[in-house]
Amino acid sequence: NLLKHFNNISVRERQGENILKQQLGLFGEVVLDPVFLLNKENWMALAGKKRKVKDKYILIYSFGSKNIQNTAEKIAKEYNLKIVNVSFAFKEIFNKKYKTLLSVGPEEFVNLFMHAEYVVTNSFHGTSFSILFNKQFYTELLGNNSDVNSRLINILELFKLQDRFIKEGEDIDLSRSIDYEKINPILERERIKSLEYIQRVLNEQN
Protein backbone atom coordinates (compact mmCIF):
# COMPACT_ATOMS: atom_id res chain seq x y z
CA ASN A 1 0.00 0.00 0.00
CA LEU A 2 2.82 2.41 0.80
CA LEU A 3 4.49 1.83 -2.58
CA LYS A 4 1.36 3.16 -4.28
CA HIS A 5 2.18 6.62 -2.87
CA PHE A 6 5.54 6.81 -4.67
CA ASN A 7 5.71 8.90 -7.84
CA ASN A 8 8.57 6.80 -9.24
CA ILE A 9 10.00 3.38 -8.45
CA SER A 10 13.23 2.00 -9.90
CA VAL A 11 14.56 -1.56 -9.71
CA ARG A 12 17.85 -3.23 -10.62
CA GLU A 13 16.55 -6.30 -12.42
CA ARG A 14 13.73 -7.52 -14.64
CA GLN A 15 12.58 -9.84 -11.91
CA GLY A 16 11.86 -6.84 -9.67
CA GLU A 17 9.97 -5.15 -12.49
CA ASN A 18 7.82 -8.28 -12.90
CA ILE A 19 7.06 -8.50 -9.18
CA LEU A 20 5.87 -4.89 -9.13
CA LYS A 21 3.72 -5.35 -12.20
CA GLN A 22 2.24 -8.80 -11.56
CA GLN A 23 1.76 -8.71 -7.81
CA LEU A 24 1.19 -5.00 -7.13
CA GLY A 25 0.03 -3.56 -10.44
CA LEU A 26 2.79 -0.93 -10.33
CA PHE A 27 5.33 0.22 -12.92
CA GLY A 28 9.04 0.06 -12.14
CA GLU A 29 11.88 1.49 -14.22
CA VAL A 30 14.76 -0.96 -14.67
CA VAL A 31 18.07 0.84 -14.15
CA LEU A 32 21.66 -0.17 -13.48
CA ASP A 33 22.94 -0.89 -10.00
CA PRO A 34 24.54 2.33 -8.65
CA VAL A 35 28.02 0.79 -8.90
CA PHE A 36 27.79 1.14 -12.69
CA LEU A 37 26.86 4.83 -12.60
CA LEU A 38 30.53 5.66 -12.16
CA ASN A 39 32.76 4.78 -15.10
CA LYS A 40 36.05 2.91 -14.95
CA GLU A 41 38.08 6.12 -14.67
CA ASN A 42 36.01 7.32 -11.71
CA TRP A 43 36.67 4.08 -9.84
CA MET A 44 40.37 4.10 -10.76
CA ALA A 45 40.72 7.53 -9.18
CA LEU A 46 39.34 6.15 -5.92
CA ALA A 47 41.53 3.06 -5.91
CA GLY A 48 44.88 4.78 -5.51
CA LYS A 49 47.86 4.52 -7.85
CA LYS A 50 49.93 1.88 -6.04
CA ARG A 51 49.22 -1.81 -6.61
CA LYS A 52 48.22 -3.70 -3.46
CA VAL A 53 49.65 -6.94 -4.89
CA LYS A 54 52.85 -6.75 -6.95
CA ASP A 55 52.63 -10.13 -8.68
CA LYS A 56 50.23 -10.97 -11.49
CA TYR A 57 47.25 -12.67 -9.90
CA ILE A 58 43.80 -14.14 -10.19
CA LEU A 59 41.37 -12.74 -7.63
CA ILE A 60 38.88 -14.90 -5.73
CA TYR A 61 35.99 -13.01 -4.17
CA SER A 62 33.42 -15.49 -2.94
CA PHE A 63 31.19 -16.53 -0.09
CA GLY A 64 32.81 -19.94 0.14
CA SER A 65 32.87 -22.35 -2.81
CA LYS A 66 35.05 -25.35 -3.56
CA ASN A 67 34.14 -25.04 -7.24
CA ILE A 68 35.45 -21.47 -7.34
CA GLN A 69 38.70 -22.59 -5.70
CA ASN A 70 39.13 -25.38 -8.28
CA THR A 71 38.39 -22.99 -11.16
CA ALA A 72 40.85 -20.42 -9.84
CA GLU A 73 43.56 -23.04 -9.45
CA LYS A 74 43.06 -24.24 -13.03
CA ILE A 75 43.29 -20.69 -14.41
CA ALA A 76 46.27 -19.84 -12.20
CA LYS A 77 48.15 -22.91 -13.44
CA GLU A 78 47.33 -22.16 -17.09
CA TYR A 79 48.52 -18.54 -16.94
CA ASN A 80 51.10 -18.78 -14.15
CA LEU A 81 49.18 -16.48 -11.82
CA LYS A 82 49.27 -16.07 -8.08
CA ILE A 83 45.95 -16.67 -6.30
CA VAL A 84 44.71 -13.81 -4.12
CA ASN A 85 41.69 -14.49 -1.96
CA VAL A 86 39.36 -11.87 -0.47
CA SER A 87 36.97 -13.89 1.62
CA PHE A 88 34.84 -13.88 4.74
CA ALA A 89 34.53 -17.67 4.70
CA PHE A 90 36.71 -18.86 7.58
CA LYS A 91 37.42 -22.26 6.03
CA GLU A 92 39.30 -20.54 3.20
CA ILE A 93 41.47 -18.26 5.33
CA PHE A 94 44.04 -20.89 6.20
CA ASN A 95 44.61 -22.21 2.70
CA LYS A 96 48.36 -21.69 2.44
CA LYS A 97 48.31 -21.90 -1.36
CA TYR A 98 46.53 -18.54 -1.51
CA LYS A 99 47.38 -15.05 -0.39
CA THR A 100 44.31 -14.30 1.73
CA LEU A 101 43.50 -10.68 2.54
CA LEU A 102 41.25 -9.77 5.45
CA SER A 103 39.89 -6.41 6.59
CA VAL A 104 40.11 -5.00 3.07
CA GLY A 105 38.76 -1.44 2.91
CA PRO A 106 36.97 0.20 -0.04
CA GLU A 107 40.15 1.55 -1.67
CA GLU A 108 41.95 -1.79 -1.42
CA PHE A 109 38.87 -3.68 -2.63
CA VAL A 110 38.61 -1.64 -5.82
CA ASN A 111 42.38 -1.72 -6.30
CA LEU A 112 42.42 -5.52 -6.21
CA PHE A 113 39.85 -5.75 -8.98
CA MET A 114 41.54 -3.03 -11.01
CA HIS A 115 44.88 -4.87 -11.17
CA ALA A 116 43.69 -8.49 -11.33
CA GLU A 117 44.41 -10.49 -14.47
CA TYR A 118 41.40 -12.71 -13.85
CA VAL A 119 38.49 -12.86 -11.37
CA VAL A 120 36.42 -15.79 -10.11
CA THR A 121 33.44 -14.88 -7.95
CA ASN A 122 29.91 -15.67 -6.82
CA SER A 123 29.21 -12.09 -5.80
CA PHE A 124 27.10 -9.55 -7.67
CA HIS A 125 29.54 -6.74 -6.98
CA GLY A 126 32.48 -9.02 -7.74
CA THR A 127 30.88 -9.59 -11.14
CA SER A 128 30.09 -5.89 -11.54
CA PHE A 129 33.62 -4.67 -10.85
CA SER A 130 34.98 -7.34 -13.19
CA ILE A 131 32.81 -5.91 -15.98
CA LEU A 132 33.65 -2.30 -15.08
CA PHE A 133 37.39 -3.00 -15.23
CA ASN A 134 37.07 -5.17 -18.36
CA LYS A 135 38.43 -8.29 -16.66
CA GLN A 136 38.27 -11.85 -17.80
CA PHE A 137 36.10 -13.56 -15.18
CA TYR A 138 33.81 -16.41 -14.23
CA THR A 139 30.76 -16.21 -11.98
CA GLU A 140 29.13 -19.02 -10.04
CA LEU A 141 25.52 -18.87 -8.89
CA LEU A 142 24.93 -19.23 -5.17
CA GLY A 143 22.64 -21.93 -3.74
CA ASN A 144 19.32 -22.52 -5.51
CA ASN A 145 17.38 -20.54 -2.92
CA SER A 146 19.63 -17.49 -2.93
CA ASP A 147 17.92 -14.16 -3.53
CA VAL A 148 21.15 -12.83 -5.06
CA ASN A 149 20.97 -15.08 -8.11
CA SER A 150 18.35 -12.98 -9.89
CA ARG A 151 20.76 -10.05 -9.86
CA LEU A 152 23.61 -12.19 -11.18
CA ILE A 153 21.47 -13.70 -13.92
CA ASN A 154 20.05 -10.33 -14.93
CA ILE A 155 23.39 -8.53 -15.17
CA LEU A 156 25.05 -11.27 -17.23
CA GLU A 157 22.03 -11.51 -19.52
CA LEU A 158 22.10 -7.74 -19.99
CA PHE A 159 25.71 -7.87 -21.19
CA LYS A 160 25.22 -11.17 -23.07
CA LEU A 161 27.75 -12.89 -20.83
CA GLN A 162 25.80 -16.01 -19.92
CA ASP A 163 28.78 -18.13 -20.99
CA ARG A 164 30.71 -16.81 -17.97
CA PHE A 165 28.59 -18.83 -15.56
CA ILE A 166 30.38 -21.82 -14.08
CA LYS A 167 28.83 -24.92 -12.56
CA GLU A 168 30.41 -27.60 -10.43
CA GLY A 169 31.61 -30.52 -12.50
CA GLU A 170 31.65 -28.60 -15.79
CA ASP A 171 34.90 -27.80 -17.58
CA ILE A 172 35.68 -24.23 -18.58
CA ASP A 173 37.04 -23.30 -21.97
CA LEU A 174 39.96 -20.96 -21.33
CA SER A 175 40.32 -20.27 -25.05
CA ARG A 176 37.11 -18.20 -24.95
CA SER A 177 37.67 -14.64 -23.78
CA ILE A 178 35.31 -11.70 -23.26
CA ASP A 179 35.24 -9.15 -26.08
CA TYR A 180 34.78 -5.86 -24.27
CA GLU A 181 34.50 -3.96 -27.54
CA LYS A 182 31.00 -5.43 -27.62
CA ILE A 183 30.31 -5.11 -23.89
CA ASN A 184 31.38 -1.52 -23.23
CA PRO A 185 28.86 0.09 -25.64
CA ILE A 186 26.05 -1.77 -23.83
CA LEU A 187 27.34 -0.51 -20.50
CA GLU A 188 27.59 3.08 -21.73
CA ARG A 189 24.07 2.95 -23.21
CA GLU A 190 22.59 1.60 -20.00
CA ARG A 191 24.55 4.07 -17.86
CA ILE A 192 23.22 7.01 -19.87
CA LYS A 193 19.69 5.62 -19.65
CA SER A 194 19.96 5.23 -15.86
CA LEU A 195 21.43 8.70 -15.30
CA GLU A 196 18.73 10.24 -17.50
CA TYR A 197 16.10 8.50 -15.40
CA ILE A 198 17.55 9.97 -12.20
CA GLN A 199 17.69 13.43 -13.74
CA ARG A 200 14.12 13.15 -14.99
CA VAL A 201 12.85 12.13 -11.56
CA LEU A 202 14.72 15.00 -9.89
CA ASN A 203 13.36 17.50 -12.41
CA GLU A 204 9.82 16.37 -11.66
CA GLN A 205 10.28 17.43 -8.05
CA ASN A 206 11.23 21.02 -8.96
C-alpha atoms as a PDB file:
ATOM      1  CA  ASN A   1       0.000   0.000   0.000  1.00  0.00           C
ATOM      2  CA  LEU A   2       2.823   2.411   0.797  1.00  0.00           C
ATOM      3  CA  LEU A   3       4.491   1.831  -2.583  1.00  0.00           C
ATOM      4  CA  LYS A   4       1.362   3.162  -4.283  1.00  0.00           C
ATOM      5  CA  HIS A   5       2.180   6.617  -2.867  1.00  0.00           C
ATOM      6  CA  PHE A   6       5.543   6.812  -4.671  1.00  0.00           C
ATOM      7  CA  ASN A   7       5.711   8.904  -7.836  1.00  0.00           C
ATOM      8  CA  ASN A   8       8.572   6.798  -9.235  1.00  0.00           C
ATOM      9  CA  ILE A   9      10.001   3.380  -8.452  1.00  0.00           C
ATOM     10  CA  SER A  10      13.231   1.997  -9.905  1.00  0.00           C
ATOM     11  CA  VAL A  11      14.561  -1.561  -9.707  1.00  0.00           C
ATOM     12  CA  ARG A  12      17.848  -3.227 -10.622  1.00  0.00           C
ATOM     13  CA  GLU A  13      16.548  -6.302 -12.421  1.00  0.00           C
ATOM     14  CA  ARG A  14      13.735  -7.517 -14.642  1.00  0.00           C
ATOM     15  CA  GLN A  15      12.578  -9.839 -11.909  1.00  0.00           C
ATOM     16  CA  GLY A  16      11.860  -6.839  -9.667  1.00  0.00           C
ATOM     17  CA  GLU A  17       9.969  -5.153 -12.491  1.00  0.00           C
ATOM     18  CA  ASN A  18       7.825  -8.282 -12.905  1.00  0.00           C
ATOM     19  CA  ILE A  19       7.064  -8.499  -9.182  1.00  0.00           C
ATOM     20  CA  LEU A  20       5.875  -4.889  -9.129  1.00  0.00           C
ATOM     21  CA  LYS A  21       3.716  -5.355 -12.202  1.00  0.00           C
ATOM     22  CA  GLN A  22       2.241  -8.798 -11.559  1.00  0.00           C
ATOM     23  CA  GLN A  23       1.756  -8.708  -7.809  1.00  0.00           C
ATOM     24  CA  LEU A  24       1.189  -5.003  -7.131  1.00  0.00           C
ATOM     25  CA  GLY A  25       0.025  -3.555 -10.440  1.00  0.00           C
ATOM     26  CA  LEU A  26       2.793  -0.933 -10.333  1.00  0.00           C
ATOM     27  CA  PHE A  27       5.335   0.225 -12.923  1.00  0.00           C
ATOM     28  CA  GLY A  28       9.044   0.062 -12.137  1.00  0.00           C
ATOM     29  CA  GLU A  29      11.877   1.486 -14.223  1.00  0.00           C
ATOM     30  CA  VAL A  30      14.758  -0.964 -14.666  1.00  0.00           C
ATOM     31  CA  VAL A  31      18.074   0.845 -14.153  1.00  0.00           C
ATOM     32  CA  LEU A  32      21.662  -0.174 -13.477  1.00  0.00           C
ATOM     33  CA  ASP A  33      22.937  -0.889  -9.999  1.00  0.00           C
ATOM     34  CA  PRO A  34      24.538   2.330  -8.655  1.00  0.00           C
ATOM     35  CA  VAL A  35      28.024   0.789  -8.896  1.00  0.00           C
ATOM     36  CA  PHE A  36      27.785   1.143 -12.692  1.00  0.00           C
ATOM     37  CA  LEU A  37      26.855   4.835 -12.605  1.00  0.00           C
ATOM     38  CA  LEU A  38      30.534   5.662 -12.162  1.00  0.00           C
ATOM     39  CA  ASN A  39      32.756   4.784 -15.103  1.00  0.00           C
ATOM     40  CA  LYS A  40      36.048   2.910 -14.953  1.00  0.00           C
ATOM     41  CA  GLU A  41      38.078   6.123 -14.675  1.00  0.00           C
ATOM     42  CA  ASN A  42      36.011   7.319 -11.711  1.00  0.00           C
ATOM     43  CA  TRP A  43      36.673   4.082  -9.840  1.00  0.00           C
ATOM     44  CA  MET A  44      40.373   4.101 -10.758  1.00  0.00           C
ATOM     45  CA  ALA A  45      40.720   7.533  -9.178  1.00  0.00           C
ATOM     46  CA  LEU A  46      39.337   6.145  -5.923  1.00  0.00           C
ATOM     47  CA  ALA A  47      41.531   3.055  -5.914  1.00  0.00           C
ATOM     48  CA  GLY A  48      44.883   4.780  -5.507  1.00  0.00           C
ATOM     49  CA  LYS A  49      47.858   4.524  -7.847  1.00  0.00           C
ATOM     50  CA  LYS A  50      49.930   1.878  -6.041  1.00  0.00           C
ATOM     51  CA  ARG A  51      49.222  -1.811  -6.612  1.00  0.00           C
ATOM     52  CA  LYS A  52      48.224  -3.701  -3.465  1.00  0.00           C
ATOM     53  CA  VAL A  53      49.654  -6.936  -4.887  1.00  0.00           C
ATOM     54  CA  LYS A  54      52.854  -6.746  -6.949  1.00  0.00           C
ATOM     55  CA  ASP A  55      52.629 -10.127  -8.676  1.00  0.00           C
ATOM     56  CA  LYS A  56      50.234 -10.967 -11.491  1.00  0.00           C
ATOM     57  CA  TYR A  57      47.253 -12.666  -9.896  1.00  0.00           C
ATOM     58  CA  ILE A  58      43.797 -14.136 -10.186  1.00  0.00           C
ATOM     59  CA  LEU A  59      41.370 -12.741  -7.632  1.00  0.00           C
ATOM     60  CA  ILE A  60      38.876 -14.896  -5.732  1.00  0.00           C
ATOM     61  CA  TYR A  61      35.993 -13.006  -4.168  1.00  0.00           C
ATOM     62  CA  SER A  62      33.422 -15.489  -2.944  1.00  0.00           C
ATOM     63  CA  PHE A  63      31.188 -16.530  -0.094  1.00  0.00           C
ATOM     64  CA  GLY A  64      32.811 -19.937   0.137  1.00  0.00           C
ATOM     65  CA  SER A  65      32.866 -22.347  -2.809  1.00  0.00           C
ATOM     66  CA  LYS A  66      35.049 -25.353  -3.558  1.00  0.00           C
ATOM     67  CA  ASN A  67      34.137 -25.043  -7.237  1.00  0.00           C
ATOM     68  CA  ILE A  68      35.452 -21.472  -7.340  1.00  0.00           C
ATOM     69  CA  GLN A  69      38.697 -22.592  -5.704  1.00  0.00           C
ATOM     70  CA  ASN A  70      39.127 -25.379  -8.275  1.00  0.00           C
ATOM     71  CA  THR A  71      38.392 -22.994 -11.162  1.00  0.00           C
ATOM     72  CA  ALA A  72      40.851 -20.417  -9.839  1.00  0.00           C
ATOM     73  CA  GLU A  73      43.562 -23.040  -9.446  1.00  0.00           C
ATOM     74  CA  LYS A  74      43.057 -24.236 -13.033  1.00  0.00           C
ATOM     75  CA  ILE A  75      43.290 -20.691 -14.410  1.00  0.00           C
ATOM     76  CA  ALA A  76      46.270 -19.835 -12.198  1.00  0.00           C
ATOM     77  CA  LYS A  77      48.147 -22.910 -13.438  1.00  0.00           C
ATOM     78  CA  GLU A  78      47.326 -22.156 -17.085  1.00  0.00           C
ATOM     79  CA  TYR A  79      48.518 -18.538 -16.938  1.00  0.00           C
ATOM     80  CA  ASN A  80      51.104 -18.782 -14.152  1.00  0.00           C
ATOM     81  CA  LEU A  81      49.185 -16.477 -11.820  1.00  0.00           C
ATOM     82  CA  LYS A  82      49.268 -16.066  -8.079  1.00  0.00           C
ATOM     83  CA  ILE A  83      45.947 -16.673  -6.296  1.00  0.00           C
ATOM     84  CA  VAL A  84      44.712 -13.807  -4.123  1.00  0.00           C
ATOM     85  CA  ASN A  85      41.692 -14.491  -1.962  1.00  0.00           C
ATOM     86  CA  VAL A  86      39.360 -11.867  -0.469  1.00  0.00           C
ATOM     87  CA  SER A  87      36.966 -13.891   1.619  1.00  0.00           C
ATOM     88  CA  PHE A  88      34.841 -13.876   4.740  1.00  0.00           C
ATOM     89  CA  ALA A  89      34.535 -17.674   4.697  1.00  0.00           C
ATOM     90  CA  PHE A  90      36.709 -18.859   7.576  1.00  0.00           C
ATOM     91  CA  LYS A  91      37.420 -22.257   6.031  1.00  0.00           C
ATOM     92  CA  GLU A  92      39.305 -20.537   3.202  1.00  0.00           C
ATOM     93  CA  ILE A  93      41.472 -18.265   5.334  1.00  0.00           C
ATOM     94  CA  PHE A  94      44.037 -20.894   6.205  1.00  0.00           C
ATOM     95  CA  ASN A  95      44.607 -22.209   2.701  1.00  0.00           C
ATOM     96  CA  LYS A  96      48.356 -21.695   2.438  1.00  0.00           C
ATOM     97  CA  LYS A  97      48.311 -21.903  -1.358  1.00  0.00           C
ATOM     98  CA  TYR A  98      46.530 -18.535  -1.508  1.00  0.00           C
ATOM     99  CA  LYS A  99      47.383 -15.053  -0.394  1.00  0.00           C
ATOM    100  CA  THR A 100      44.310 -14.298   1.727  1.00  0.00           C
ATOM    101  CA  LEU A 101      43.498 -10.685   2.543  1.00  0.00           C
ATOM    102  CA  LEU A 102      41.248  -9.772   5.450  1.00  0.00           C
ATOM    103  CA  SER A 103      39.889  -6.413   6.591  1.00  0.00           C
ATOM    104  CA  VAL A 104      40.108  -5.005   3.068  1.00  0.00           C
ATOM    105  CA  GLY A 105      38.761  -1.440   2.907  1.00  0.00           C
ATOM    106  CA  PRO A 106      36.969   0.204  -0.043  1.00  0.00           C
ATOM    107  CA  GLU A 107      40.151   1.547  -1.670  1.00  0.00           C
ATOM    108  CA  GLU A 108      41.947  -1.794  -1.419  1.00  0.00           C
ATOM    109  CA  PHE A 109      38.870  -3.675  -2.627  1.00  0.00           C
ATOM    110  CA  VAL A 110      38.609  -1.643  -5.821  1.00  0.00           C
ATOM    111  CA  ASN A 111      42.382  -1.721  -6.299  1.00  0.00           C
ATOM    112  CA  LEU A 112      42.424  -5.522  -6.207  1.00  0.00           C
ATOM    113  CA  PHE A 113      39.846  -5.745  -8.981  1.00  0.00           C
ATOM    114  CA  MET A 114      41.538  -3.025 -11.008  1.00  0.00           C
ATOM    115  CA  HIS A 115      44.878  -4.870 -11.169  1.00  0.00           C
ATOM    116  CA  ALA A 116      43.689  -8.493 -11.333  1.00  0.00           C
ATOM    117  CA  GLU A 117      44.412 -10.493 -14.467  1.00  0.00           C
ATOM    118  CA  TYR A 118      41.396 -12.714 -13.847  1.00  0.00           C
ATOM    119  CA  VAL A 119      38.486 -12.862 -11.370  1.00  0.00           C
ATOM    120  CA  VAL A 120      36.417 -15.792 -10.107  1.00  0.00           C
ATOM    121  CA  THR A 121      33.441 -14.876  -7.949  1.00  0.00           C
ATOM    122  CA  ASN A 122      29.908 -15.670  -6.816  1.00  0.00           C
ATOM    123  CA  SER A 123      29.211 -12.088  -5.803  1.00  0.00           C
ATOM    124  CA  PHE A 124      27.100  -9.546  -7.671  1.00  0.00           C
ATOM    125  CA  HIS A 125      29.544  -6.742  -6.977  1.00  0.00           C
ATOM    126  CA  GLY A 126      32.485  -9.016  -7.738  1.00  0.00           C
ATOM    127  CA  THR A 127      30.882  -9.590 -11.137  1.00  0.00           C
ATOM    128  CA  SER A 128      30.086  -5.891 -11.541  1.00  0.00           C
ATOM    129  CA  PHE A 129      33.620  -4.670 -10.848  1.00  0.00           C
ATOM    130  CA  SER A 130      34.980  -7.335 -13.195  1.00  0.00           C
ATOM    131  CA  ILE A 131      32.815  -5.906 -15.975  1.00  0.00           C
ATOM    132  CA  LEU A 132      33.651  -2.299 -15.079  1.00  0.00           C
ATOM    133  CA  PHE A 133      37.389  -2.999 -15.233  1.00  0.00           C
ATOM    134  CA  ASN A 134      37.070  -5.169 -18.355  1.00  0.00           C
ATOM    135  CA  LYS A 135      38.429  -8.287 -16.660  1.00  0.00           C
ATOM    136  CA  GLN A 136      38.271 -11.852 -17.804  1.00  0.00           C
ATOM    137  CA  PHE A 137      36.101 -13.559 -15.179  1.00  0.00           C
ATOM    138  CA  TYR A 138      33.806 -16.406 -14.233  1.00  0.00           C
ATOM    139  CA  THR A 139      30.758 -16.208 -11.980  1.00  0.00           C
ATOM    140  CA  GLU A 140      29.128 -19.021 -10.035  1.00  0.00           C
ATOM    141  CA  LEU A 141      25.515 -18.865  -8.890  1.00  0.00           C
ATOM    142  CA  LEU A 142      24.927 -19.234  -5.166  1.00  0.00           C
ATOM    143  CA  GLY A 143      22.637 -21.933  -3.743  1.00  0.00           C
ATOM    144  CA  ASN A 144      19.319 -22.524  -5.511  1.00  0.00           C
ATOM    145  CA  ASN A 145      17.376 -20.543  -2.925  1.00  0.00           C
ATOM    146  CA  SER A 146      19.634 -17.491  -2.929  1.00  0.00           C
ATOM    147  CA  ASP A 147      17.920 -14.156  -3.534  1.00  0.00           C
ATOM    148  CA  VAL A 148      21.151 -12.829  -5.059  1.00  0.00           C
ATOM    149  CA  ASN A 149      20.967 -15.084  -8.107  1.00  0.00           C
ATOM    150  CA  SER A 150      18.350 -12.985  -9.890  1.00  0.00           C
ATOM    151  CA  ARG A 151      20.762 -10.049  -9.858  1.00  0.00           C
ATOM    152  CA  LEU A 152      23.613 -12.188 -11.184  1.00  0.00           C
ATOM    153  CA  ILE A 153      21.469 -13.701 -13.918  1.00  0.00           C
ATOM    154  CA  ASN A 154      20.052 -10.326 -14.926  1.00  0.00           C
ATOM    155  CA  ILE A 155      23.386  -8.527 -15.167  1.00  0.00           C
ATOM    156  CA  LEU A 156      25.046 -11.273 -17.229  1.00  0.00           C
ATOM    157  CA  GLU A 157      22.026 -11.508 -19.520  1.00  0.00           C
ATOM    158  CA  LEU A 158      22.101  -7.735 -19.992  1.00  0.00           C
ATOM    159  CA  PHE A 159      25.709  -7.874 -21.185  1.00  0.00           C
ATOM    160  CA  LYS A 160      25.219 -11.166 -23.072  1.00  0.00           C
ATOM    161  CA  LEU A 161      27.751 -12.893 -20.835  1.00  0.00           C
ATOM    162  CA  GLN A 162      25.795 -16.011 -19.923  1.00  0.00           C
ATOM    163  CA  ASP A 163      28.779 -18.126 -20.986  1.00  0.00           C
ATOM    164  CA  ARG A 164      30.708 -16.807 -17.974  1.00  0.00           C
ATOM    165  CA  PHE A 165      28.589 -18.832 -15.556  1.00  0.00           C
ATOM    166  CA  ILE A 166      30.385 -21.819 -14.084  1.00  0.00           C
ATOM    167  CA  LYS A 167      28.831 -24.917 -12.561  1.00  0.00           C
ATOM    168  CA  GLU A 168      30.415 -27.596 -10.426  1.00  0.00           C
ATOM    169  CA  GLY A 169      31.610 -30.523 -12.502  1.00  0.00           C
ATOM    170  CA  GLU A 170      31.651 -28.598 -15.787  1.00  0.00           C
ATOM    171  CA  ASP A 171      34.900 -27.805 -17.580  1.00  0.00           C
ATOM    172  CA  ILE A 172      35.681 -24.228 -18.578  1.00  0.00           C
ATOM    173  CA  ASP A 173      37.035 -23.297 -21.971  1.00  0.00           C
ATOM    174  CA  LEU A 174      39.958 -20.959 -21.335  1.00  0.00           C
ATOM    175  CA  SER A 175      40.317 -20.266 -25.047  1.00  0.00           C
ATOM    176  CA  ARG A 176      37.112 -18.197 -24.948  1.00  0.00           C
ATOM    177  CA  SER A 177      37.665 -14.638 -23.782  1.00  0.00           C
ATOM    178  CA  ILE A 178      35.314 -11.698 -23.258  1.00  0.00           C
ATOM    179  CA  ASP A 179      35.242  -9.151 -26.084  1.00  0.00           C
ATOM    180  CA  TYR A 180      34.779  -5.860 -24.267  1.00  0.00           C
ATOM    181  CA  GLU A 181      34.499  -3.956 -27.535  1.00  0.00           C
ATOM    182  CA  LYS A 182      31.001  -5.434 -27.621  1.00  0.00           C
ATOM    183  CA  ILE A 183      30.307  -5.114 -23.892  1.00  0.00           C
ATOM    184  CA  ASN A 184      31.377  -1.520 -23.229  1.00  0.00           C
ATOM    185  CA  PRO A 185      28.857   0.086 -25.637  1.00  0.00           C
ATOM    186  CA  ILE A 186      26.053  -1.768 -23.832  1.00  0.00           C
ATOM    187  CA  LEU A 187      27.345  -0.511 -20.496  1.00  0.00           C
ATOM    188  CA  GLU A 188      27.587   3.079 -21.726  1.00  0.00           C
ATOM    189  CA  ARG A 189      24.071   2.952 -23.212  1.00  0.00           C
ATOM    190  CA  GLU A 190      22.586   1.598 -19.995  1.00  0.00           C
ATOM    191  CA  ARG A 191      24.552   4.070 -17.857  1.00  0.00           C
ATOM    192  CA  ILE A 192      23.220   7.015 -19.866  1.00  0.00           C
ATOM    193  CA  LYS A 193      19.692   5.621 -19.651  1.00  0.00           C
ATOM    194  CA  SER A 194      19.960   5.227 -15.862  1.00  0.00           C
ATOM    195  CA  LEU A 195      21.430   8.699 -15.301  1.00  0.00           C
ATOM    196  CA  GLU A 196      18.729  10.243 -17.504  1.00  0.00           C
ATOM    197  CA  TYR A 197      16.099   8.496 -15.395  1.00  0.00           C
ATOM    198  CA  ILE A 198      17.551   9.972 -12.196  1.00  0.00           C
ATOM    199  CA  GLN A 199      17.685  13.428 -13.744  1.00  0.00           C
ATOM    200  CA  ARG A 200      14.121  13.153 -14.991  1.00  0.00           C
ATOM    201  CA  VAL A 201      12.848  12.128 -11.560  1.00  0.00           C
ATOM    202  CA  LEU A 202      14.721  15.000  -9.886  1.00  0.00           C
ATOM    203  CA  ASN A 203      13.362  17.499 -12.409  1.00  0.00           C
ATOM    204  CA  GLU A 204       9.820  16.369 -11.662  1.00  0.00           C
ATOM    205  CA  GLN A 205      10.278  17.434  -8.048  1.00  0.00           C
ATOM    206  CA  ASN A 206      11.227  21.023  -8.955  1.00  0.00           C
END
